[in-house]
Amino acid sequence: MELPKMRTVKTAMAEIRALDPDTDITVNAMQTALRQGKVAYINVGKKRLFRLDDMIRYFTARAVEPEIIEPQEPGKIRPVKA
């Protein structure tokens, strides 16, 4: 049985920075994900522990490909995509 990597926000941030020193993921972004219930956690005393893999999966799953907008002819109205 493999033990999940349970981390606090502070220790998770240290591990993410070790993997990617130029990361734009912030402590505040991780705390918000926990507070909004986007990543499951458990309370152990005063600590919030969550699976590091779940947090990384949350941020990587949100990455989207940029939409390429084709140039329109001048004077024409571009259709709005819903």
Protein backbone atom coordinates (compact mmCIF):
# COMPACT_ATOMS: atom_id res chain seq x y z
CA MET A 1 0.00 0.00 0.00
CA GLU A 2 1.38 3.37 -1.00
CA LEU A 3 1.08 6.14 1.56
CA PRO A 4 -0.32 9.39 0.08
CA LYS A 5 1.82 12.51 0.42
CA MET A 6 -0.21 14.49 2.96
CA ARG A 7 1.01 18.08 3.21
CA THR A 8 0.15 21.46 4.67
CA VAL A 9 0.03 24.49 2.39
CA LYS A 10 3.48 25.60 3.58
CA THR A 11 5.19 22.24 2.98
CA ALA A 12 3.37 21.73 -0.32
CA MET A 13 4.58 25.13 -1.50
CA ALA A 14 8.16 24.14 -0.65
CA GLU A 15 7.86 20.91 -2.66
CA ILE A 16 6.25 22.64 -5.65
CA ARG A 17 9.02 25.27 -5.64
CA ALA A 18 11.62 22.47 -5.53
CA LEU A 19 10.03 20.95 -8.65
CA ASP A 20 9.52 24.30 -10.40
CA PRO A 21 11.42 27.27 -8.92
CA ASP A 22 9.63 29.71 -11.26
CA THR A 23 6.11 28.53 -10.43
CA ASP A 24 3.29 31.07 -10.32
CA ILE A 25 1.22 28.94 -7.93
CA THR A 26 0.88 30.85 -4.67
CA VAL A 27 0.08 29.98 -1.08
CA ASN A 28 -3.07 32.08 -1.40
CA ALA A 29 -4.20 30.13 -4.49
CA MET A 30 -3.78 26.84 -2.61
CA GLN A 31 -5.63 28.16 0.46
CA THR A 32 -8.47 29.35 -1.78
CA ALA A 33 -8.72 25.94 -3.46
CA LEU A 34 -9.01 24.31 -0.03
CA ARG A 35 -11.50 26.88 1.28
CA GLN A 36 -13.74 26.52 -1.79
CA GLY A 37 -13.70 22.72 -1.54
CA LYS A 38 -11.87 22.25 -4.84
CA VAL A 39 -9.26 20.05 -3.10
CA ALA A 40 -10.24 17.70 -0.26
CA TYR A 41 -8.48 18.07 3.08
CA ILE A 42 -8.65 16.87 6.66
CA ASN A 43 -8.12 18.85 9.85
CA VAL A 44 -5.48 17.46 12.18
CA GLY A 45 -5.30 19.74 15.18
CA LYS A 46 -4.77 23.22 13.74
CA LYS A 47 -3.36 21.88 10.46
CA ARG A 48 -5.16 21.30 7.18
CA LEU A 49 -3.65 18.29 5.44
CA PHE A 50 -4.33 17.43 1.81
CA ARG A 51 -2.82 15.15 -0.79
CA LEU A 52 -0.05 16.91 -2.67
CA ASP A 53 -0.96 15.00 -5.83
CA ASP A 54 -4.57 16.26 -5.62
CA MET A 55 -3.40 19.87 -5.38
CA ILE A 56 -1.03 19.50 -8.34
CA ARG A 57 -3.77 17.75 -10.32
CA TYR A 58 -6.19 20.61 -9.52
CA PHE A 59 -3.85 23.24 -10.96
CA THR A 60 -2.73 21.22 -13.99
CA ALA A 61 -6.29 20.17 -14.91
CA ARG A 62 -7.32 23.81 -15.12
CA ALA A 63 -4.77 24.57 -17.85
CA VAL A 64 -6.49 25.29 -21.16
CA GLU A 65 -5.25 25.82 -24.67
CA PRO A 66 -5.48 29.43 -25.84
CA GLU A 67 -8.24 30.15 -28.32
CA ILE A 68 -6.96 31.38 -31.66
CA ILE A 69 -9.06 34.22 -33.02
CA GLU A 70 -8.93 34.54 -36.75
CA PRO A 71 -8.70 38.09 -38.09
CA GLN A 72 -11.93 39.44 -39.54
CA GLU A 73 -12.38 41.69 -42.51
CA PRO A 74 -12.63 45.38 -41.59
CA GLY A 75 -16.21 46.62 -41.35
CA LYS A 76 -17.70 43.21 -40.49
CA ILE A 77 -19.08 42.19 -37.13
CA ARG A 78 -17.47 39.17 -35.53
CA PRO A 79 -19.98 36.52 -34.31
CA VAL A 80 -20.06 36.03 -30.56
CA LYS A 81 -19.35 32.48 -29.39
CA ALA A 82 -21.34 31.41 -26.34
